């Protein structure tokens, strides 16, 4: 199976022709990312199980304290799902 590296949210947003923050909002609204603190913008269990998103864990120092963070990465399968959502959203609805 030909699997490519997952995309960052910024890369995925550029490929979809939208802004990073708009894509994050779309992903939160559609259940791909958590919307509440402290897990905000982390992939949901459902998105990870469906292999739509992956997570990358890291940490950084704030003074002597290590702070852990999770970065969401979009898989190629996830890009297909997101494209479908964007296309349905942009399609005008018949009245």
PDB file of N, CA and C in Angstrom:
ATOM      1  N   UNK A   1       0.839  -1.177   0.000  1.00  0.00           N
ATOM      2  CA  UNK A   1       0.000   0.000   0.000  1.00  0.00           C
ATOM      3  C   UNK A   1       0.881   1.236   0.000  1.00  0.00           C
ATOM      4  N   UNK A   2       0.600   2.189  -0.859  1.00  0.00           N
ATOM      5  CA  UNK A   2       1.398   3.392  -0.996  1.00  0.00           C
ATOM      6  C   UNK A   2       0.892   4.461  -0.030  1.00  0.00           C
ATOM      7  N   UNK A   3       1.544   4.571   1.110  1.00  0.00           N
ATOM      8  CA  UNK A   3       1.118   5.516   2.142  1.00  0.00           C
ATOM      9  C   UNK A   3       2.086   6.696   2.156  1.00  0.00           C
ATOM     10  N   UNK A   4       1.562   7.906   2.063  1.00  0.00           N
ATOM     11  CA  UNK A   4       2.408   9.086   2.135  1.00  0.00           C
ATOM     12  C   UNK A   4       2.430   9.610   3.562  1.00  0.00           C
ATOM     13  N   UNK A   5       3.354  10.515   3.817  1.00  0.00           N
ATOM     14  CA  UNK A   5       3.437  11.106   5.147  1.00  0.00           C
ATOM     15  C   UNK A   5       2.187  11.940   5.410  1.00  0.00           C
ATOM     16  N   UNK A   6       1.744  11.969   6.658  1.00  0.00           N
ATOM     17  CA  UNK A   6       0.576  12.802   6.980  1.00  0.00           C
ATOM     18  C   UNK A   6       0.927  14.283   6.860  1.00  0.00           C
ATOM     19  N   UNK A   7      -0.096  15.095   6.607  1.00  0.00           N
ATOM     20  CA  UNK A   7       0.069  16.534   6.430  1.00  0.00           C
ATOM     21  C   UNK A   7      -0.199  17.260   7.735  1.00  0.00           C
ATOM     22  N   UNK A   8       0.492  18.366   7.949  1.00  0.00           N
ATOM     23  CA  UNK A   8       0.146  19.220   9.070  1.00  0.00           C
ATOM     24  C   UNK A   8      -1.181  19.905   8.732  1.00  0.00           C
ATOM     25  N   UNK A   9      -1.818  20.471   9.719  1.00  0.00           N
ATOM     26  CA  UNK A   9      -3.091  21.168   9.478  1.00  0.00           C
ATOM     27  C   UNK A   9      -2.870  22.340   8.536  1.00  0.00           C
ATOM     28  N   UNK A  10      -1.746  23.022   8.667  1.00  0.00           N
ATOM     29  CA  UNK A  10      -1.434  24.155   7.788  1.00  0.00           C
ATOM     30  C   UNK A  10      -1.290  23.696   6.344  1.00  0.00           C
ATOM     31  N   UNK A  11      -0.577  22.593   6.111  1.00  0.00           N
ATOM     32  CA  UNK A  11      -0.409  22.065   4.755  1.00  0.00           C
ATOM     33  C   UNK A  11      -1.752  21.631   4.175  1.00  0.00           C
ATOM     34  N   UNK A  12      -2.565  20.956   4.982  1.00  0.00           N
ATOM     35  CA  UNK A  12      -3.875  20.502   4.524  1.00  0.00           C
ATOM     36  C   UNK A  12      -4.756  21.692   4.154  1.00  0.00           C
ATOM     37  N   UNK A  13      -4.718  22.740   4.958  1.00  0.00           N
ATOM     38  CA  UNK A  13      -5.524  23.933   4.684  1.00  0.00           C
ATOM     39  C   UNK A  13      -5.105  24.575   3.360  1.00  0.00           C
ATOM     40  N   UNK A  14      -3.814  24.655   3.122  1.00  0.00           N
ATOM     41  CA  UNK A  14      -3.329  25.242   1.854  1.00  0.00           C
ATOM     42  C   UNK A  14      -3.784  24.409   0.664  1.00  0.00           C
ATOM     43  N   UNK A  15      -3.743  23.080   0.812  1.00  0.00           N
ATOM     44  CA  UNK A  15      -4.169  22.205  -0.283  1.00  0.00           C
ATOM     45  C   UNK A  15      -5.665  22.365  -0.568  1.00  0.00           C
ATOM     46  N   UNK A  16      -6.442  22.682   0.471  1.00  0.00           N
ATOM     47  CA  UNK A  16      -7.885  22.854   0.308  1.00  0.00           C
ATOM     48  C   UNK A  16      -8.261  24.288  -0.053  1.00  0.00           C
ATOM     49  N   UNK A  17      -7.287  25.182  -0.088  1.00  0.00           N
ATOM     50  CA  UNK A  17      -7.547  26.571  -0.444  1.00  0.00           C
ATOM     51  C   UNK A  17      -8.282  27.342   0.643  1.00  0.00           C
ATOM     52  N   UNK A  18      -7.983  27.023   1.894  1.00  0.00           N
ATOM     53  CA  UNK A  18      -8.621  27.733   3.000  1.00  0.00           C
ATOM     54  C   UNK A  18      -7.567  28.047   4.055  1.00  0.00           C
ATOM     55  N   UNK A  19      -7.946  28.840   5.026  1.00  0.00           N
ATOM     56  CA  UNK A  19      -7.032  29.201   6.098  1.00  0.00           C
ATOM     57  C   UNK A  19      -6.939  28.115   7.157  1.00  0.00           C
ATOM     58  N   UNK A  20      -5.832  28.124   7.892  1.00  0.00           N
ATOM     59  CA  UNK A  20      -5.586  27.133   8.940  1.00  0.00           C
ATOM     60  C   UNK A  20      -6.656  27.189  10.020  1.00  0.00           C
ATOM     61  N   UNK A  21      -6.986  28.378  10.491  1.00  0.00           N
ATOM     62  CA  UNK A  21      -7.969  28.507  11.561  1.00  0.00           C
ATOM     63  C   UNK A  21      -9.357  28.067  11.105  1.00  0.00           C
ATOM     64  N   UNK A  22      -9.707  28.350   9.852  1.00  0.00           N
ATOM     65  CA  UNK A  22     -10.998  27.894   9.324  1.00  0.00           C
ATOM     66  C   UNK A  22     -11.047  26.373   9.241  1.00  0.00           C
ATOM     67  N   UNK A  23      -9.940  25.756   8.860  1.00  0.00           N
ATOM     68  CA  UNK A  23      -9.896  24.294   8.803  1.00  0.00           C
ATOM     69  C   UNK A  23     -10.004  23.699  10.207  1.00  0.00           C
ATOM     70  N   UNK A  24      -9.305  24.287  11.179  1.00  0.00           N
ATOM     71  CA  UNK A  24      -9.405  23.797  12.554  1.00  0.00           C
ATOM     72  C   UNK A  24     -10.845  23.879  13.047  1.00  0.00           C
ATOM     73  N   UNK A  25     -11.539  24.976  12.748  1.00  0.00           N
ATOM     74  CA  UNK A  25     -12.937  25.128  13.160  1.00  0.00           C
ATOM     75  C   UNK A  25     -13.808  24.066  12.491  1.00  0.00           C
ATOM     76  N   UNK A  26     -13.594  23.833  11.196  1.00  0.00           N
ATOM     77  CA  UNK A  26     -14.344  22.817  10.461  1.00  0.00           C
ATOM     78  C   UNK A  26     -14.122  21.428  11.078  1.00  0.00           C
ATOM     79  N   UNK A  27     -12.877  21.121  11.421  1.00  0.00           N
ATOM     80  CA  UNK A  27     -12.559  19.818  12.014  1.00  0.00           C
ATOM     81  C   UNK A  27     -13.186  19.677  13.401  1.00  0.00           C
ATOM     82  N   UNK A  28     -13.194  20.753  14.191  1.00  0.00           N
ATOM     83  CA  UNK A  28     -13.835  20.706  15.512  1.00  0.00           C
ATOM     84  C   UNK A  28     -15.341  20.541  15.363  1.00  0.00           C
ATOM     85  N   UNK A  29     -15.952  21.275  14.432  1.00  0.00           N
ATOM     86  CA  UNK A  29     -17.402  21.221  14.235  1.00  0.00           C
ATOM     87  C   UNK A  29     -17.875  19.856  13.741  1.00  0.00           C
ATOM     88  N   UNK A  30     -16.999  19.118  13.044  1.00  0.00           N
ATOM     89  CA  UNK A  30     -17.376  17.817  12.494  1.00  0.00           C
ATOM     90  C   UNK A  30     -16.841  16.635  13.291  1.00  0.00           C
ATOM     91  N   UNK A  31     -16.349  16.873  14.508  1.00  0.00           N
ATOM     92  CA  UNK A  31     -15.966  15.796  15.405  1.00  0.00           C
ATOM     93  C   UNK A  31     -14.608  15.174  15.166  1.00  0.00           C
ATOM     94  N   UNK A  32     -13.758  15.814  14.381  1.00  0.00           N
ATOM     95  CA  UNK A  32     -12.418  15.296  14.143  1.00  0.00           C
ATOM     96  C   UNK A  32     -11.479  15.707  15.280  1.00  0.00           C
ATOM     97  N   UNK A  33     -11.722  16.894  15.848  1.00  0.00           N
ATOM     98  CA  UNK A  33     -10.876  17.423  16.914  1.00  0.00           C
ATOM     99  C   UNK A  33     -11.723  17.766  18.131  1.00  0.00           C
ATOM    100  N   UNK A  34     -11.102  17.670  19.310  1.00  0.00           N
ATOM    101  CA  UNK A  34     -11.772  18.106  20.532  1.00  0.00           C
ATOM    102  C   UNK A  34     -11.878  19.630  20.530  1.00  0.00           C
ATOM    103  N   UNK A  35     -12.964  20.148  21.095  1.00  0.00           N
ATOM    104  CA  UNK A  35     -13.165  21.592  21.095  1.00  0.00           C
ATOM    105  C   UNK A  35     -12.976  22.224  22.470  1.00  0.00           C
ATOM    106  N   UNK A  36     -12.861  21.413  23.511  1.00  0.00           N
ATOM    107  CA  UNK A  36     -12.722  21.960  24.863  1.00  0.00           C
ATOM    108  C   UNK A  36     -11.296  21.801  25.381  1.00  0.00           C
ATOM    109  N   UNK A  37     -10.914  22.748  26.215  1.00  0.00           N
ATOM    110  CA  UNK A  37      -9.614  22.673  26.880  1.00  0.00           C
ATOM    111  C   UNK A  37      -9.639  21.536  27.881  1.00  0.00           C
ATOM    112  N   UNK A  38      -8.589  20.891  28.215  1.00  0.00           N
ATOM    113  CA  UNK A  38      -7.207  21.078  27.778  1.00  0.00           C
ATOM    114  C   UNK A  38      -6.859  20.293  26.510  1.00  0.00           C
ATOM    115  N   UNK A  39      -7.836  19.588  25.931  1.00  0.00           N
ATOM    116  CA  UNK A  39      -7.574  18.758  24.747  1.00  0.00           C
ATOM    117  C   UNK A  39      -7.866  19.484  23.432  1.00  0.00           C
ATOM    118  N   UNK A  40      -8.136  20.761  23.472  1.00  0.00           N
ATOM    119  CA  UNK A  40      -8.528  21.522  22.289  1.00  0.00           C
ATOM    120  C   UNK A  40      -7.560  21.268  21.125  1.00  0.00           C
ATOM    121  N   UNK A  41      -8.134  21.004  19.968  1.00  0.00           N
ATOM    122  CA  UNK A  41      -7.412  20.752  18.714  1.00  0.00           C
ATOM    123  C   UNK A  41      -6.603  19.459  18.708  1.00  0.00           C
ATOM    124  N   UNK A  42      -6.854  18.579  19.647  1.00  0.00           N
ATOM    125  CA  UNK A  42      -6.254  17.237  19.629  1.00  0.00           C
ATOM    126  C   UNK A  42      -7.231  16.301  18.921  1.00  0.00           C
ATOM    127  N   UNK A  43      -6.732  15.314  18.189  1.00  0.00           N
ATOM    128  CA  UNK A  43      -7.618  14.392  17.476  1.00  0.00           C
ATOM    129  C   UNK A  43      -8.519  13.612  18.431  1.00  0.00           C
ATOM    130  N   UNK A  44      -9.763  13.420  18.031  1.00  0.00           N
ATOM    131  CA  UNK A  44     -10.687  12.617  18.829  1.00  0.00           C
ATOM    132  C   UNK A  44     -10.347  11.139  18.660  1.00  0.00           C
ATOM    133  N   UNK A  45     -10.825  10.339  19.580  1.00  0.00           N
ATOM    134  CA  UNK A  45     -10.593   8.897  19.515  1.00  0.00           C
ATOM    135  C   UNK A  45     -11.177   8.337  18.218  1.00  0.00           C
ATOM    136  N   UNK A  46     -12.366   8.817  17.832  1.00  0.00           N
ATOM    137  CA  UNK A  46     -13.020   8.363  16.608  1.00  0.00           C
ATOM    138  C   UNK A  46     -12.139   8.639  15.383  1.00  0.00           C
ATOM    139  N   UNK A  47     -11.583   9.860  15.283  1.00  0.00           N
ATOM    140  CA  UNK A  47     -10.759  10.219  14.128  1.00  0.00           C
ATOM    141  C   UNK A  47      -9.487   9.378  14.074  1.00  0.00           C
ATOM    142  N   UNK A  48      -8.934   9.054  15.238  1.00  0.00           N
ATOM    143  CA  UNK A  48      -7.740   8.216  15.275  1.00  0.00           C
ATOM    144  C   UNK A  48      -8.066   6.780  14.869  1.00  0.00           C
ATOM    145  N   UNK A  49      -9.191   6.253  15.370  1.00  0.00           N
ATOM    146  CA  UNK A  49      -9.579   4.879  15.033  1.00  0.00           C
ATOM    147  C   UNK A  49      -9.897   4.726  13.556  1.00  0.00           C
ATOM    148  N   UNK A  50     -10.507   5.755  12.952  1.00  0.00           N
ATOM    149  CA  UNK A  50     -10.832   5.719  11.524  1.00  0.00           C
ATOM    150  C   UNK A  50      -9.614   5.997  10.648  1.00  0.00           C
ATOM    151  N   UNK A  51      -8.488   6.345  11.289  1.00  0.00           N
ATOM    152  CA  UNK A  51      -7.239   6.691  10.595  1.00  0.00           C
ATOM    153  C   UNK A  51      -7.397   7.898   9.690  1.00  0.00           C
ATOM    154  N   UNK A  52      -8.222   8.847  10.128  1.00  0.00           N
ATOM    155  CA  UNK A  52      -8.382  10.106   9.408  1.00  0.00           C
ATOM    156  C   UNK A  52      -7.324  11.109   9.861  1.00  0.00           C
ATOM    157  N   UNK A  53      -6.951  11.020  11.123  1.00  0.00           N
ATOM    158  CA  UNK A  53      -5.922  11.883  11.697  1.00  0.00           C
ATOM    159  C   UNK A  53      -4.930  11.016  12.464  1.00  0.00           C
ATOM    160  N   UNK A  54      -3.733  11.529  12.612  1.00  0.00           N
ATOM    161  CA  UNK A  54      -2.723  10.935  13.481  1.00  0.00           C
ATOM    162  C   UNK A  54      -2.337  12.002  14.488  1.00  0.00           C
ATOM    163  N   UNK A  55      -1.694  11.575  15.557  1.00  0.00           N
ATOM    164  CA  UNK A  55      -1.227  12.562  16.509  1.00  0.00           C
ATOM    165  C   UNK A  55       0.268  12.431  16.707  1.00  0.00           C
ATOM    166  N   UNK A  56       0.897  13.570  16.909  1.00  0.00           N
ATOM    167  CA  UNK A  56       2.326  13.619  17.171  1.00  0.00           C
ATOM    168  C   UNK A  56       2.478  14.283  18.529  1.00  0.00           C
ATOM    169  N   UNK A  57       3.127  13.594  19.438  1.00  0.00           N
ATOM    170  CA  UNK A  57       3.290  14.121  20.789  1.00  0.00           C
ATOM    171  C   UNK A  57       4.666  14.760  20.914  1.00  0.00           C
ATOM    172  N   UNK A  58       4.702  15.869  21.628  1.00  0.00           N
ATOM    173  CA  UNK A  58       5.953  16.572  21.846  1.00  0.00           C
ATOM    174  C   UNK A  58       5.909  17.298  23.168  1.00  0.00           C
ATOM    175  N   UNK A  59       7.018  17.940  23.484  1.00  0.00           N
ATOM    176  CA  UNK A  59       7.066  18.716  24.711  1.00  0.00           C
ATOM    177  C   UNK A  59       8.025  19.879  24.526  1.00  0.00           C
ATOM    178  N   UNK A  60       7.813  20.905  25.317  1.00  0.00           N
ATOM    179  CA  UNK A  60       8.692  22.061  25.300  1.00  0.00           C
ATOM    180  C   UNK A  60       8.850  22.560  26.731  1.00  0.00           C
ATOM    181  N   UNK A  61       9.874  23.352  26.952  1.00  0.00           N
ATOM    182  CA  UNK A  61      10.171  23.841  28.293  1.00  0.00           C
ATOM    183  C   UNK A  61       9.619  25.242  28.498  1.00  0.00           C
ATOM    184  N   UNK A  62       8.990  25.443  29.639  1.00  0.00           N
ATOM    185  CA  UNK A  62       8.589  26.767  30.094  1.00  0.00           C
ATOM    186  C   UNK A  62       9.310  26.950  31.422  1.00  0.00           C
ATOM    187  N   UNK A  63      10.462  27.584  31.334  1.00  0.00           N
ATOM    188  CA  UNK A  63      11.316  27.638  32.518  1.00  0.00           C
ATOM    189  C   UNK A  63      11.786  26.234  32.833  1.00  0.00           C
ATOM    190  N   UNK A  64      11.649  25.800  34.082  1.00  0.00           N
ATOM    191  CA  UNK A  64      12.085  24.450  34.447  1.00  0.00           C
ATOM    192  C   UNK A  64      11.010  23.373  34.221  1.00  0.00           C
ATOM    193  N   UNK A  65       9.836  23.762  33.728  1.00  0.00           N
ATOM    194  CA  UNK A  65       8.711  22.840  33.606  1.00  0.00           C
ATOM    195  C   UNK A  65       8.565  22.358  32.167  1.00  0.00           C
ATOM    196  N   UNK A  66       8.413  21.032  31.991  1.00  0.00           N
ATOM    197  CA  UNK A  66       8.141  20.466  30.667  1.00  0.00           C
ATOM    198  C   UNK A  66       6.641  20.472  30.435  1.00  0.00           C
ATOM    199  N   UNK A  67       6.219  21.027  29.303  1.00  0.00           N
ATOM    200  CA  UNK A  67       4.808  21.079  28.937  1.00  0.00           C
ATOM    201  C   UNK A  67       4.613  20.163  27.741  1.00  0.00           C
ATOM    202  N   UNK A  68       3.671  19.239  27.851  1.00  0.00           N
ATOM    203  CA  UNK A  68       3.408  18.314  26.757  1.00  0.00           C
ATOM    204  C   UNK A  68       2.306  18.872  25.856  1.00  0.00           C
ATOM    205  N   UNK A  69       2.432  18.620  24.566  1.00  0.00           N
ATOM    206  CA  UNK A  69       1.391  19.028  23.618  1.00  0.00           C
ATOM    207  C   UNK A  69       1.218  17.955  22.553  1.00  0.00           C
ATOM    208  N   UNK A  70       0.049  17.980  21.926  1.00  0.00           N
ATOM    209  CA  UNK A  70      -0.285  17.020  20.873  1.00  0.00           C
ATOM    210  C   UNK A  70      -0.585  17.794  19.596  1.00  0.00           C
ATOM    211  N   UNK A  71       0.031  17.375  18.509  1.00  0.00           N
ATOM    212  CA  UNK A  71      -0.193  17.989  17.210  1.00  0.00           C
ATOM    213  C   UNK A  71      -1.015  17.037  16.351  1.00  0.00           C
ATOM    214  N   UNK A  72      -2.059  17.545  15.722  1.00  0.00           N
ATOM    215  CA  UNK A  72      -2.889  16.739  14.825  1.00  0.00           C
ATOM    216  C   UNK A  72      -2.269  16.740  13.433  1.00  0.00           C
ATOM    217  N   UNK A  73      -2.207  15.566  12.824  1.00  0.00           N
ATOM    218  CA  UNK A  73      -1.721  15.405  11.456  1.00  0.00           C
ATOM    219  C   UNK A  73      -2.814  14.746  10.635  1.00  0.00           C
ATOM    220  N   UNK A  74      -3.011  15.225   9.412  1.00  0.00           N
ATOM    221  CA  UNK A  74      -4.083  14.731   8.541  1.00  0.00           C
ATOM    222  C   UNK A  74      -3.522  13.677   7.594  1.00  0.00           C
ATOM    223  N   UNK A  75      -4.144  12.494   7.573  1.00  0.00           N
ATOM    224  CA  UNK A  75      -3.728  11.424   6.663  1.00  0.00           C
ATOM    225  C   UNK A  75      -4.355  11.652   5.286  1.00  0.00           C
ATOM    226  N   UNK A  76      -3.928  10.863   4.309  1.00  0.00           N
ATOM    227  CA  UNK A  76      -4.507  10.991   2.969  1.00  0.00           C
ATOM    228  C   UNK A  76      -5.992  10.605   2.992  1.00  0.00           C
ATOM    229  N   UNK A  77      -6.349   9.599   3.789  1.00  0.00           N
ATOM    230  CA  UNK A  77      -7.756   9.218   3.940  1.00  0.00           C
ATOM    231  C   UNK A  77      -8.539  10.370   4.571  1.00  0.00           C
ATOM    232  N   UNK A  78      -7.938  11.029   5.550  1.00  0.00           N
ATOM    233  CA  UNK A  78      -8.573  12.176   6.189  1.00  0.00           C
ATOM    234  C   UNK A  78      -8.777  13.326   5.220  1.00  0.00           C
ATOM    235  N   UNK A  79      -7.808  13.535   4.317  1.00  0.00           N
ATOM    236  CA  UNK A  79      -7.947  14.599   3.314  1.00  0.00           C
ATOM    237  C   UNK A  79      -9.163  14.345   2.427  1.00  0.00           C
ATOM    238  N   UNK A  80      -9.398  13.089   2.058  1.00  0.00           N
ATOM    239  CA  UNK A  80     -10.557  12.762   1.221  1.00  0.00           C
ATOM    240  C   UNK A  80     -11.850  13.083   1.965  1.00  0.00           C
ATOM    241  N   UNK A  81     -11.925  12.722   3.254  1.00  0.00           N
ATOM    242  CA  UNK A  81     -13.123  13.009   4.053  1.00  0.00           C
ATOM    243  C   UNK A  81     -13.332  14.515   4.173  1.00  0.00           C
ATOM    244  N   UNK A  82     -12.264  15.245   4.434  1.00  0.00           N
ATOM    245  CA  UNK A  82     -12.375  16.698   4.611  1.00  0.00           C
ATOM    246  C   UNK A  82     -12.805  17.360   3.303  1.00  0.00           C
ATOM    247  N   UNK A  83     -12.234  16.903   2.169  1.00  0.00           N
ATOM    248  CA  UNK A  83     -12.647  17.450   0.866  1.00  0.00           C
ATOM    249  C   UNK A  83     -14.143  17.267   0.643  1.00  0.00           C
ATOM    250  N   UNK A  84     -14.661  16.074   0.985  1.00  0.00           N
ATOM    251  CA  UNK A  84     -16.099  15.817   0.845  1.00  0.00           C
ATOM    252  C   UNK A  84     -16.913  16.784   1.691  1.00  0.00           C
ATOM    253  N   UNK A  85     -16.478  17.028   2.916  1.00  0.00           N
ATOM    254  CA  UNK A  85     -17.195  17.946   3.813  1.00  0.00           C
ATOM    255  C   UNK A  85     -17.167  19.365   3.252  1.00  0.00           C
ATOM    256  N   UNK A  86     -16.011  19.790   2.759  1.00  0.00           N
ATOM    257  CA  UNK A  86     -15.886  21.141   2.204  1.00  0.00           C
ATOM    258  C   UNK A  86     -16.764  21.290   0.966  1.00  0.00           C
ATOM    259  N   UNK A  87     -16.781  20.277   0.095  1.00  0.00           N
ATOM    260  CA  UNK A  87     -17.590  20.340  -1.124  1.00  0.00           C
ATOM    261  C   UNK A  87     -19.078  20.374  -0.797  1.00  0.00           C
ATOM    262  N   UNK A  88     -19.513  19.590   0.186  1.00  0.00           N
ATOM    263  CA  UNK A  88     -20.929  19.602   0.576  1.00  0.00           C
ATOM    264  C   UNK A  88     -21.311  20.932   1.186  1.00  0.00           C
ATOM    265  N   UNK A  89     -20.398  21.528   1.943  1.00  0.00           N
ATOM    266  CA  UNK A  89     -20.667  22.818   2.582  1.00  0.00           C
ATOM    267  C   UNK A  89     -20.792  23.921   1.531  1.00  0.00           C
ATOM    268  N   UNK A  90     -19.955  23.856   0.487  1.00  0.00           N
ATOM    269  CA  UNK A  90     -19.972  24.890  -0.549  1.00  0.00           C
ATOM    270  C   UNK A  90     -21.097  24.709  -1.559  1.00  0.00           C
ATOM    271  N   UNK A  91     -21.723  23.532  -1.608  1.00  0.00           N
ATOM    272  CA  UNK A  91     -22.792  23.281  -2.557  1.00  0.00           C
ATOM    273  C   UNK A  91     -24.052  24.030  -2.125  1.00  0.00           C
ATOM    274  N   UNK A  92     -24.598  24.865  -3.011  1.00  0.00           N
ATOM    275  CA  UNK A  92     -25.838  25.561  -2.635  1.00  0.00           C
ATOM    276  C   UNK A  92     -26.990  24.569  -2.488  1.00  0.00           C
ATOM    277  N   UNK A  93     -27.810  24.807  -1.490  1.00  0.00           N
ATOM    278  CA  UNK A  93     -28.941  23.928  -1.241  1.00  0.00           C
ATOM    279  C   UNK A  93     -30.184  24.442  -1.972  1.00  0.00           C
ATOM    280  N   UNK A  94     -30.926  23.514  -2.538  1.00  0.00           N
ATOM    281  CA  UNK A  94     -32.172  23.896  -3.242  1.00  0.00           C
ATOM    282  C   UNK A  94     -33.221  24.270  -2.213  1.00  0.00           C
ATOM    283  N   UNK A  95     -33.958  25.334  -2.500  1.00  0.00           N
ATOM    284  CA  UNK A  95     -34.990  25.754  -1.547  1.00  0.00           C
ATOM    285  C   UNK A  95     -36.349  25.267  -1.971  1.00  0.00           C
TER     286      UNK A  95
END
